[in-house]
């Protein structure tokens, strides 16, 4: 496969989920193989570039985050990377004036639309697909991820919660740009009402509102507009795992099966895949 960048520069600004600050980003196409690079323009030149690499991930409790040896950090990259994965973008410079990506409406919808409308551009060099040729599996307690051979990129995901409203959901999808943009990208991040106070006390989710997250209560959701899909929660988990596996920066040909996985397990599994 040819390596890809975007066809032209894109600018966007929005609120960051955790700090609640206005973040400006600029997506800049490159002309050669660079990988995905985040450049913190608010930090000292020479110490402000964070390369997307599995070894640069850290603190995977509530999102996927990167840092460099100078402790320049980029938080909550998974929604954005999910879109880069589907559009097969391998090389890009992202200038950003804060430490987290804008949350948009809590989904990948805005990034998907921006890149769809801008288009992509093929570079001269090629990238080798990561082709699953035999089963690979990882289990941590009751969390599991398996990769199986498949001619395409398919994900089967199951979530299970011990909750009065949100219990078990499962979805399987053979991914394309079209069904990703329609069925996965609009699915929003979610949390439980009892988590909100804890997050705020720990200076997290300061930018979170019902406009950019689903808040689940014991009987349903707090969001006046309701859900975009009856199974929006598992759709968002599929969005997340696509983004997390993108940190490898290699197109996957295979069937990923995940049960109760999360960012930490996703990244551990990505490291396992790169060793196979």
C-alpha atoms as a PDB file:
ATOM      1  CA  UNK A   1       0.000   0.000   0.000  1.00  0.00           C
ATOM      2  CA  UNK A   2       1.105   3.550  -0.699  1.00  0.00           C
ATOM      3  CA  UNK A   3       1.684   5.774   2.310  1.00  0.00           C
ATOM      4  CA  UNK A   4      -0.798   8.651   2.554  1.00  0.00           C
ATOM      5  CA  UNK A   5      -1.112  12.166   3.897  1.00  0.00           C
ATOM      6  CA  UNK A   6      -3.953  14.681   3.555  1.00  0.00           C
ATOM      7  CA  UNK A   7      -4.509  16.625   0.345  1.00  0.00           C
ATOM      8  CA  UNK A   8      -4.302  20.072   1.960  1.00  0.00           C
ATOM      9  CA  UNK A   9      -3.981  21.806   5.317  1.00  0.00           C
ATOM     10  CA  UNK A  10      -6.890  21.676   7.790  1.00  0.00           C
ATOM     11  CA  UNK A  11      -7.488  23.991  10.765  1.00  0.00           C
ATOM     12  CA  UNK A  12      -9.927  23.277  13.574  1.00  0.00           C
ATOM     13  CA  UNK A  13     -10.526  24.446  17.124  1.00  0.00           C
ATOM     14  CA  UNK A  14     -12.634  23.139  19.962  1.00  0.00           C
ATOM     15  CA  UNK A  15     -12.807  22.458  23.686  1.00  0.00           C
ATOM     16  CA  UNK A  16     -10.604  19.815  25.270  1.00  0.00           C
ATOM     17  CA  UNK A  17     -12.518  17.271  27.357  1.00  0.00           C
ATOM     18  CA  UNK A  18     -10.361  17.176  30.466  1.00  0.00           C
ATOM     19  CA  UNK A  19      -8.962  20.705  30.832  1.00  0.00           C
ATOM     20  CA  UNK A  20     -11.964  22.455  29.320  1.00  0.00           C
ATOM     21  CA  UNK A  21      -9.703  24.858  27.389  1.00  0.00           C
ATOM     22  CA  UNK A  22     -10.014  26.005  23.778  1.00  0.00           C
ATOM     23  CA  UNK A  23      -7.560  24.010  21.664  1.00  0.00           C
ATOM     24  CA  UNK A  24      -6.454  24.957  18.150  1.00  0.00           C
ATOM     25  CA  UNK A  25      -5.031  22.331  15.819  1.00  0.00           C
ATOM     26  CA  UNK A  26      -3.577  22.511  12.351  1.00  0.00           C
ATOM     27  CA  UNK A  27      -3.229  19.352  10.243  1.00  0.00           C
ATOM     28  CA  UNK A  28      -0.346  19.806   7.822  1.00  0.00           C
ATOM     29  CA  UNK A  29       0.326  17.432   4.907  1.00  0.00           C
ATOM     30  CA  UNK A  30       3.884  16.165   4.489  1.00  0.00           C
ATOM     31  CA  UNK A  31       5.781  15.259   1.321  1.00  0.00           C
ATOM     32  CA  UNK A  32       7.736  12.256   2.598  1.00  0.00           C
ATOM     33  CA  UNK A  33       7.639   9.439   5.137  1.00  0.00           C
ATOM     34  CA  UNK A  34       7.478  11.044   8.598  1.00  0.00           C
ATOM     35  CA  UNK A  35       4.897   9.038  10.510  1.00  0.00           C
ATOM     36  CA  UNK A  36       2.324  10.865  12.626  1.00  0.00           C
ATOM     37  CA  UNK A  37       3.877  13.735  14.583  1.00  0.00           C
ATOM     38  CA  UNK A  38       2.164  15.997  17.125  1.00  0.00           C
ATOM     39  CA  UNK A  39       3.899  19.339  17.590  1.00  0.00           C
ATOM     40  CA  UNK A  40       3.064  21.302  20.757  1.00  0.00           C
ATOM     41  CA  UNK A  41       3.419  24.875  19.487  1.00  0.00           C
ATOM     42  CA  UNK A  42       2.893  26.176  23.035  1.00  0.00           C
ATOM     43  CA  UNK A  43       6.115  24.512  24.201  1.00  0.00           C
ATOM     44  CA  UNK A  44       9.840  25.079  23.614  1.00  0.00           C
ATOM     45  CA  UNK A  45      10.998  24.402  20.059  1.00  0.00           C
ATOM     46  CA  UNK A  46      13.162  21.295  19.823  1.00  0.00           C
ATOM     47  CA  UNK A  47      11.426  19.613  22.744  1.00  0.00           C
ATOM     48  CA  UNK A  48       7.841  19.869  21.543  1.00  0.00           C
ATOM     49  CA  UNK A  49       7.434  17.090  18.976  1.00  0.00           C
ATOM     50  CA  UNK A  50       5.704  13.904  20.079  1.00  0.00           C
ATOM     51  CA  UNK A  51       5.954  10.989  17.655  1.00  0.00           C
ATOM     52  CA  UNK A  52       3.097   8.515  17.500  1.00  0.00           C
ATOM     53  CA  UNK A  53       4.737   5.288  18.654  1.00  0.00           C
ATOM     54  CA  UNK A  54       3.642   2.462  20.945  1.00  0.00           C
ATOM     55  CA  UNK A  55       6.651   3.117  23.181  1.00  0.00           C
ATOM     56  CA  UNK A  56       5.485   6.720  23.722  1.00  0.00           C
ATOM     57  CA  UNK A  57       2.079   5.761  25.147  1.00  0.00           C
ATOM     58  CA  UNK A  58       1.369   6.307  28.847  1.00  0.00           C
ATOM     59  CA  UNK A  59      -1.486   6.513  31.389  1.00  0.00           C
ATOM     60  CA  UNK A  60      -4.082   4.487  29.488  1.00  0.00           C
ATOM     61  CA  UNK A  61      -6.784   4.533  32.173  1.00  0.00           C
ATOM     62  CA  UNK A  62      -9.250   6.921  30.537  1.00  0.00           C
ATOM     63  CA  UNK A  63      -7.811   7.542  27.097  1.00  0.00           C
ATOM     64  CA  UNK A  64      -4.790   7.024  24.880  1.00  0.00           C
ATOM     65  CA  UNK A  65      -1.990   9.470  25.484  1.00  0.00           C
ATOM     66  CA  UNK A  66       1.529  10.087  24.161  1.00  0.00           C
ATOM     67  CA  UNK A  67       4.624  11.804  25.546  1.00  0.00           C
ATOM     68  CA  UNK A  68       8.234  12.351  24.553  1.00  0.00           C
ATOM     69  CA  UNK A  69      11.439  12.256  26.589  1.00  0.00           C
ATOM     70  CA  UNK A  70      11.029  15.946  27.457  1.00  0.00           C
ATOM     71  CA  UNK A  71       7.606  15.179  29.003  1.00  0.00           C
ATOM     72  CA  UNK A  72       5.692  16.996  26.257  1.00  0.00           C
ATOM     73  CA  UNK A  73       2.297  15.252  26.316  1.00  0.00           C
ATOM     74  CA  UNK A  74      -0.694  14.771  24.054  1.00  0.00           C
ATOM     75  CA  UNK A  75      -3.877  13.406  25.624  1.00  0.00           C
ATOM     76  CA  UNK A  76      -7.046  11.765  24.260  1.00  0.00           C
ATOM     77  CA  UNK A  77      -5.884  10.997  20.733  1.00  0.00           C
ATOM     78  CA  UNK A  78      -7.962   7.861  20.081  1.00  0.00           C
ATOM     79  CA  UNK A  79     -10.964   9.468  18.289  1.00  0.00           C
ATOM     80  CA  UNK A  80      -8.704  11.387  15.933  1.00  0.00           C
ATOM     81  CA  UNK A  81      -6.497   8.363  15.267  1.00  0.00           C
ATOM     82  CA  UNK A  82      -9.572   6.262  14.536  1.00  0.00           C
ATOM     83  CA  UNK A  83     -10.298   8.503  11.549  1.00  0.00           C
ATOM     84  CA  UNK A  84      -6.660   8.470  10.391  1.00  0.00           C
ATOM     85  CA  UNK A  85      -6.826   4.674  10.468  1.00  0.00           C
ATOM     86  CA  UNK A  86      -9.927   4.408   8.293  1.00  0.00           C
ATOM     87  CA  UNK A  87      -8.551   6.904   5.761  1.00  0.00           C
ATOM     88  CA  UNK A  88      -5.183   5.074   5.819  1.00  0.00           C
ATOM     89  CA  UNK A  89      -3.244   8.258   6.624  1.00  0.00           C
ATOM     90  CA  UNK A  90       0.274   7.255   7.639  1.00  0.00           C
ATOM     91  CA  UNK A  91       2.154  10.558   7.585  1.00  0.00           C
ATOM     92  CA  UNK A  92       0.989  13.879   9.012  1.00  0.00           C
ATOM     93  CA  UNK A  93       2.121  16.832  11.122  1.00  0.00           C
ATOM     94  CA  UNK A  94      -0.384  18.023  13.727  1.00  0.00           C
ATOM     95  CA  UNK A  95       0.356  21.415  15.272  1.00  0.00           C
ATOM     96  CA  UNK A  96      -1.529  21.848  18.541  1.00  0.00           C
ATOM     97  CA  UNK A  97      -1.477  24.609  21.165  1.00  0.00           C
ATOM     98  CA  UNK A  98      -2.478  22.486  24.165  1.00  0.00           C
ATOM     99  CA  UNK A  99      -2.053  19.028  25.662  1.00  0.00           C
ATOM    100  CA  UNK A 100      -5.223  17.329  24.387  1.00  0.00           C
ATOM    101  CA  UNK A 101      -7.188  16.968  21.164  1.00  0.00           C
ATOM    102  CA  UNK A 102     -10.499  18.863  20.908  1.00  0.00           C
ATOM    103  CA  UNK A 103     -13.342  16.558  21.940  1.00  0.00           C
ATOM    104  CA  UNK A 104     -15.850  17.830  19.344  1.00  0.00           C
ATOM    105  CA  UNK A 105     -19.228  16.252  20.108  1.00  0.00           C
ATOM    106  CA  UNK A 106     -17.590  13.303  21.871  1.00  0.00           C
ATOM    107  CA  UNK A 107     -17.361  11.230  18.710  1.00  0.00           C
ATOM    108  CA  UNK A 108     -15.070  11.093  15.667  1.00  0.00           C
ATOM    109  CA  UNK A 109     -17.704  12.696  13.434  1.00  0.00           C
ATOM    110  CA  UNK A 110     -16.062  16.111  12.960  1.00  0.00           C
ATOM    111  CA  UNK A 111     -12.615  14.665  12.173  1.00  0.00           C
ATOM    112  CA  UNK A 112     -14.183  12.173   9.781  1.00  0.00           C
ATOM    113  CA  UNK A 113     -16.015  14.908   7.906  1.00  0.00           C
ATOM    114  CA  UNK A 114     -12.978  17.205   7.753  1.00  0.00           C
ATOM    115  CA  UNK A 115     -10.709  14.537   6.302  1.00  0.00           C
ATOM    116  CA  UNK A 116     -13.395  13.137   3.977  1.00  0.00           C
ATOM    117  CA  UNK A 117     -13.990  16.625   2.557  1.00  0.00           C
ATOM    118  CA  UNK A 118     -10.269  17.394   2.250  1.00  0.00           C
ATOM    119  CA  UNK A 119      -9.202  14.083   0.741  1.00  0.00           C
ATOM    120  CA  UNK A 120      -5.918  12.211   0.886  1.00  0.00           C
ATOM    121  CA  UNK A 121      -2.717  12.266  -1.137  1.00  0.00           C
ATOM    122  CA  UNK A 122      -0.495   9.272  -1.957  1.00  0.00           C
ATOM    123  CA  UNK A 123       3.204   9.520  -1.154  1.00  0.00           C
ATOM    124  CA  UNK A 124       5.929   7.816  -3.167  1.00  0.00           C
ATOM    125  CA  UNK A 125       6.889   5.303  -0.484  1.00  0.00           C
ATOM    126  CA  UNK A 126       4.929   2.230   0.563  1.00  0.00           C
ATOM    127  CA  UNK A 127       3.785   0.773   3.872  1.00  0.00           C
ATOM    128  CA  UNK A 128       3.497  -2.915   4.666  1.00  0.00           C
ATOM    129  CA  UNK A 129       0.104  -4.099   5.879  1.00  0.00           C
ATOM    130  CA  UNK A 130      -0.064  -6.000   9.146  1.00  0.00           C
ATOM    131  CA  UNK A 131      -1.669  -9.215   7.908  1.00  0.00           C
ATOM    132  CA  UNK A 132      -3.018 -11.595  10.531  1.00  0.00           C
ATOM    133  CA  UNK A 133      -2.046 -15.083   9.335  1.00  0.00           C
ATOM    134  CA  UNK A 134      -2.766 -17.057  12.513  1.00  0.00           C
ATOM    135  CA  UNK A 135      -4.729 -16.456  15.734  1.00  0.00           C
ATOM    136  CA  UNK A 136      -3.233 -14.028  18.250  1.00  0.00           C
ATOM    137  CA  UNK A 137      -4.910 -13.575  21.634  1.00  0.00           C
ATOM    138  CA  UNK A 138      -4.502 -11.650  24.873  1.00  0.00           C
ATOM    139  CA  UNK A 139      -6.431 -12.078  28.127  1.00  0.00           C
ATOM    140  CA  UNK A 140      -6.295 -10.034  31.295  1.00  0.00           C
ATOM    141  CA  UNK A 141      -8.904 -11.212  33.788  1.00  0.00           C
ATOM    142  CA  UNK A 142     -12.301 -10.994  32.093  1.00  0.00           C
ATOM    143  CA  UNK A 143     -10.972  -8.795  29.259  1.00  0.00           C
ATOM    144  CA  UNK A 144     -10.004 -10.412  25.972  1.00  0.00           C
ATOM    145  CA  UNK A 145      -8.774  -9.487  22.485  1.00  0.00           C
ATOM    146  CA  UNK A 146      -8.258 -11.957  19.633  1.00  0.00           C
ATOM    147  CA  UNK A 147      -7.024 -11.404  16.070  1.00  0.00           C
ATOM    148  CA  UNK A 148      -7.950 -13.882  13.345  1.00  0.00           C
ATOM    149  CA  UNK A 149      -7.136 -14.051   9.619  1.00  0.00           C
ATOM    150  CA  UNK A 150      -9.642 -12.150   7.468  1.00  0.00           C
ATOM    151  CA  UNK A 151      -9.563 -10.573   4.017  1.00  0.00           C
ATOM    152  CA  UNK A 152     -10.403  -7.048   5.168  1.00  0.00           C
ATOM    153  CA  UNK A 153     -10.666  -5.221   8.493  1.00  0.00           C
ATOM    154  CA  UNK A 154     -13.465  -6.579  10.669  1.00  0.00           C
ATOM    155  CA  UNK A 155     -14.190  -5.902  14.336  1.00  0.00           C
ATOM    156  CA  UNK A 156     -16.485  -7.802  16.688  1.00  0.00           C
ATOM    157  CA  UNK A 157     -16.872  -6.118  20.062  1.00  0.00           C
ATOM    158  CA  UNK A 158     -18.802  -7.075  23.203  1.00  0.00           C
ATOM    159  CA  UNK A 159     -19.303  -4.859  26.238  1.00  0.00           C
ATOM    160  CA  UNK A 160     -20.754  -6.010  29.525  1.00  0.00           C
ATOM    161  CA  UNK A 161     -21.580  -3.840  32.541  1.00  0.00           C
ATOM    162  CA  UNK A 162     -23.179  -4.665  35.868  1.00  0.00           C
ATOM    163  CA  UNK A 163     -25.592  -1.727  35.612  1.00  0.00           C
ATOM    164  CA  UNK A 164     -29.339  -1.268  35.758  1.00  0.00           C
ATOM    165  CA  UNK A 165     -29.506   0.400  32.311  1.00  0.00           C
ATOM    166  CA  UNK A 166     -26.342  -0.544  30.391  1.00  0.00           C
ATOM    167  CA  UNK A 167     -25.712  -4.262  30.416  1.00  0.00           C
ATOM    168  CA  UNK A 168     -24.469  -6.188  27.360  1.00  0.00           C
ATOM    169  CA  UNK A 169     -24.098  -5.033  23.749  1.00  0.00           C
ATOM    170  CA  UNK A 170     -22.362  -6.741  20.816  1.00  0.00           C
ATOM    171  CA  UNK A 171     -21.683  -5.551  17.288  1.00  0.00           C
ATOM    172  CA  UNK A 172     -19.744  -6.956  14.335  1.00  0.00           C
ATOM    173  CA  UNK A 173     -18.763  -4.769  11.396  1.00  0.00           C
ATOM    174  CA  UNK A 174     -16.626  -5.317   8.295  1.00  0.00           C
ATOM    175  CA  UNK A 175     -15.207  -1.822   8.021  1.00  0.00           C
ATOM    176  CA  UNK A 176     -15.157   0.532   5.046  1.00  0.00           C
ATOM    177  CA  UNK A 177     -14.879   4.315   4.879  1.00  0.00           C
ATOM    178  CA  UNK A 178     -18.588   4.526   4.125  1.00  0.00           C
ATOM    179  CA  UNK A 179     -19.960   2.420   6.957  1.00  0.00           C
ATOM    180  CA  UNK A 180     -17.401   3.828   9.397  1.00  0.00           C
ATOM    181  CA  UNK A 181     -18.556   7.398   8.726  1.00  0.00           C
ATOM    182  CA  UNK A 182     -22.226   6.428   9.017  1.00  0.00           C
ATOM    183  CA  UNK A 183     -22.236   3.802  11.738  1.00  0.00           C
ATOM    184  CA  UNK A 184     -19.133   4.224  13.929  1.00  0.00           C
ATOM    185  CA  UNK A 185     -17.778   7.789  13.727  1.00  0.00           C
ATOM    186  CA  UNK A 186     -20.956   9.440  15.175  1.00  0.00           C
ATOM    187  CA  UNK A 187     -20.944   7.225  18.306  1.00  0.00           C
ATOM    188  CA  UNK A 188     -20.110   9.347  21.351  1.00  0.00           C
ATOM    189  CA  UNK A 189     -17.970   8.710  24.408  1.00  0.00           C
ATOM    190  CA  UNK A 190     -19.903   7.847  27.541  1.00  0.00           C
ATOM    191  CA  UNK A 191     -19.645   7.685  31.308  1.00  0.00           C
ATOM    192  CA  UNK A 192     -21.813   7.021  34.347  1.00  0.00           C
ATOM    193  CA  UNK A 193     -23.421   9.765  36.418  1.00  0.00           C
ATOM    194  CA  UNK A 194     -21.703   8.560  39.604  1.00  0.00           C
ATOM    195  CA  UNK A 195     -18.276   9.118  37.950  1.00  0.00           C
ATOM    196  CA  UNK A 196     -18.801  12.811  37.215  1.00  0.00           C
ATOM    197  CA  UNK A 197     -18.106  14.125  40.732  1.00  0.00           C
ATOM    198  CA  UNK A 198     -14.947  12.011  41.059  1.00  0.00           C
ATOM    199  CA  UNK A 199     -13.638  13.218  37.674  1.00  0.00           C
ATOM    200  CA  UNK A 200     -14.257  16.883  38.484  1.00  0.00           C
ATOM    201  CA  UNK A 201     -12.564  16.562  41.894  1.00  0.00           C
ATOM    202  CA  UNK A 202      -9.525  15.162  40.104  1.00  0.00           C
ATOM    203  CA  UNK A 203      -9.493  17.997  37.535  1.00  0.00           C
ATOM    204  CA  UNK A 204     -10.739  15.708  34.775  1.00  0.00           C
ATOM    205  CA  UNK A 205     -13.670  16.114  32.375  1.00  0.00           C
ATOM    206  CA  UNK A 206     -13.707  19.859  33.090  1.00  0.00           C
ATOM    207  CA  UNK A 207     -14.834  20.423  29.493  1.00  0.00           C
ATOM    208  CA  UNK A 208     -17.380  17.617  29.580  1.00  0.00           C
ATOM    209  CA  UNK A 209     -21.013  18.497  28.920  1.00  0.00           C
ATOM    210  CA  UNK A 210     -24.093  16.745  27.576  1.00  0.00           C
ATOM    211  CA  UNK A 211     -23.045  18.228  24.215  1.00  0.00           C
ATOM    212  CA  UNK A 212     -19.900  16.100  24.038  1.00  0.00           C
ATOM    213  CA  UNK A 213     -20.562  12.977  26.114  1.00  0.00           C
ATOM    214  CA  UNK A 214     -23.347  10.572  27.013  1.00  0.00           C
ATOM    215  CA  UNK A 215     -24.036  10.468  30.753  1.00  0.00           C
ATOM    216  CA  UNK A 216     -25.723   7.270  31.878  1.00  0.00           C
ATOM    217  CA  UNK A 217     -28.049   7.185  34.883  1.00  0.00           C
ATOM    218  CA  UNK A 218     -29.748   4.194  36.508  1.00  0.00           C
ATOM    219  CA  UNK A 219     -32.705   4.326  34.117  1.00  0.00           C
ATOM    220  CA  UNK A 220     -31.296   5.744  30.872  1.00  0.00           C
ATOM    221  CA  UNK A 221     -29.235   8.744  29.776  1.00  0.00           C
ATOM    222  CA  UNK A 222     -29.205  12.365  30.927  1.00  0.00           C
ATOM    223  CA  UNK A 223     -28.849  13.690  27.363  1.00  0.00           C
ATOM    224  CA  UNK A 224     -32.112  15.384  26.296  1.00  0.00           C
ATOM    225  CA  UNK A 225     -31.624  14.276  22.670  1.00  0.00           C
ATOM    226  CA  UNK A 226     -31.176  10.646  23.699  1.00  0.00           C
ATOM    227  CA  UNK A 227     -28.976   8.200  21.815  1.00  0.00           C
ATOM    228  CA  UNK A 228     -27.891   8.269  18.177  1.00  0.00           C
ATOM    229  CA  UNK A 229     -27.997   4.457  18.045  1.00  0.00           C
ATOM    230  CA  UNK A 230     -29.624   1.984  20.406  1.00  0.00           C
ATOM    231  CA  UNK A 231     -26.196   0.341  20.734  1.00  0.00           C
ATOM    232  CA  UNK A 232     -24.172   3.574  20.648  1.00  0.00           C
ATOM    233  CA  UNK A 233     -21.996   2.405  23.536  1.00  0.00           C
ATOM    234  CA  UNK A 234     -20.482  -0.616  21.802  1.00  0.00           C
ATOM    235  CA  UNK A 235     -20.131   1.406  18.595  1.00  0.00           C
ATOM    236  CA  UNK A 236     -18.004   3.909  20.481  1.00  0.00           C
ATOM    237  CA  UNK A 237     -15.836   1.110  21.847  1.00  0.00           C
ATOM    238  CA  UNK A 238     -15.227  -0.013  18.258  1.00  0.00           C
ATOM    239  CA  UNK A 239     -14.285   3.585  17.391  1.00  0.00           C
ATOM    240  CA  UNK A 240     -11.816   3.570  20.289  1.00  0.00           C
ATOM    241  CA  UNK A 241     -10.090   0.287  19.476  1.00  0.00           C
ATOM    242  CA  UNK A 242      -9.614   1.349  15.841  1.00  0.00           C
ATOM    243  CA  UNK A 243      -7.857   4.477  17.118  1.00  0.00           C
ATOM    244  CA  UNK A 244      -5.776   2.627  19.678  1.00  0.00           C
ATOM    245  CA  UNK A 245      -4.529   0.069  17.154  1.00  0.00           C
ATOM    246  CA  UNK A 246      -3.616   2.947  14.825  1.00  0.00           C
ATOM    247  CA  UNK A 247      -0.721   3.769  17.151  1.00  0.00           C
ATOM    248  CA  UNK A 248       1.107   0.930  15.329  1.00  0.00           C
ATOM    249  CA  UNK A 249       0.639   3.011  12.145  1.00  0.00           C
ATOM    250  CA  UNK A 250       0.181  -0.075   9.963  1.00  0.00           C
ATOM    251  CA  UNK A 251      -3.013  -0.987   8.099  1.00  0.00           C
ATOM    252  CA  UNK A 252      -4.491  -4.174   9.563  1.00  0.00           C
ATOM    253  CA  UNK A 253      -5.865  -7.041   7.515  1.00  0.00           C
ATOM    254  CA  UNK A 254      -7.659  -9.272   9.984  1.00  0.00           C
ATOM    255  CA  UNK A 255     -10.644  -9.821  12.254  1.00  0.00           C
ATOM    256  CA  UNK A 256     -10.326  -8.273  15.720  1.00  0.00           C
ATOM    257  CA  UNK A 257     -12.583  -9.726  18.419  1.00  0.00           C
ATOM    258  CA  UNK A 258     -12.701  -7.780  21.692  1.00  0.00           C
ATOM    259  CA  UNK A 259     -14.586  -8.507  24.905  1.00  0.00           C
ATOM    260  CA  UNK A 260     -14.631  -5.824  27.612  1.00  0.00           C
ATOM    261  CA  UNK A 261     -11.333  -4.437  26.337  1.00  0.00           C
ATOM    262  CA  UNK A 262     -10.142  -0.877  26.921  1.00  0.00           C
ATOM    263  CA  UNK A 263      -7.288   1.463  26.068  1.00  0.00           C
ATOM    264  CA  UNK A 264      -4.663  -0.324  28.179  1.00  0.00           C
ATOM    265  CA  UNK A 265      -5.492  -3.759  26.767  1.00  0.00           C
ATOM    266  CA  UNK A 266      -5.745  -2.353  23.227  1.00  0.00           C
ATOM    267  CA  UNK A 267      -2.226  -0.928  23.413  1.00  0.00           C
ATOM    268  CA  UNK A 268      -0.826  -4.076  25.043  1.00  0.00           C
ATOM    269  CA  UNK A 269      -2.392  -6.080  22.216  1.00  0.00           C
ATOM    270  CA  UNK A 270      -0.929  -3.733  19.597  1.00  0.00           C
ATOM    271  CA  UNK A 271       2.525  -4.355  21.092  1.00  0.00           C
ATOM    272  CA  UNK A 272       1.860  -8.097  20.912  1.00  0.00           C
ATOM    273  CA  UNK A 273       0.842  -7.845  17.242  1.00  0.00           C
ATOM    274  CA  UNK A 274       4.035  -5.993  16.313  1.00  0.00           C
ATOM    275  CA  UNK A 275       6.101  -8.826  17.830  1.00  0.00           C
ATOM    276  CA  UNK A 276       4.316 -11.579  15.883  1.00  0.00           C
END
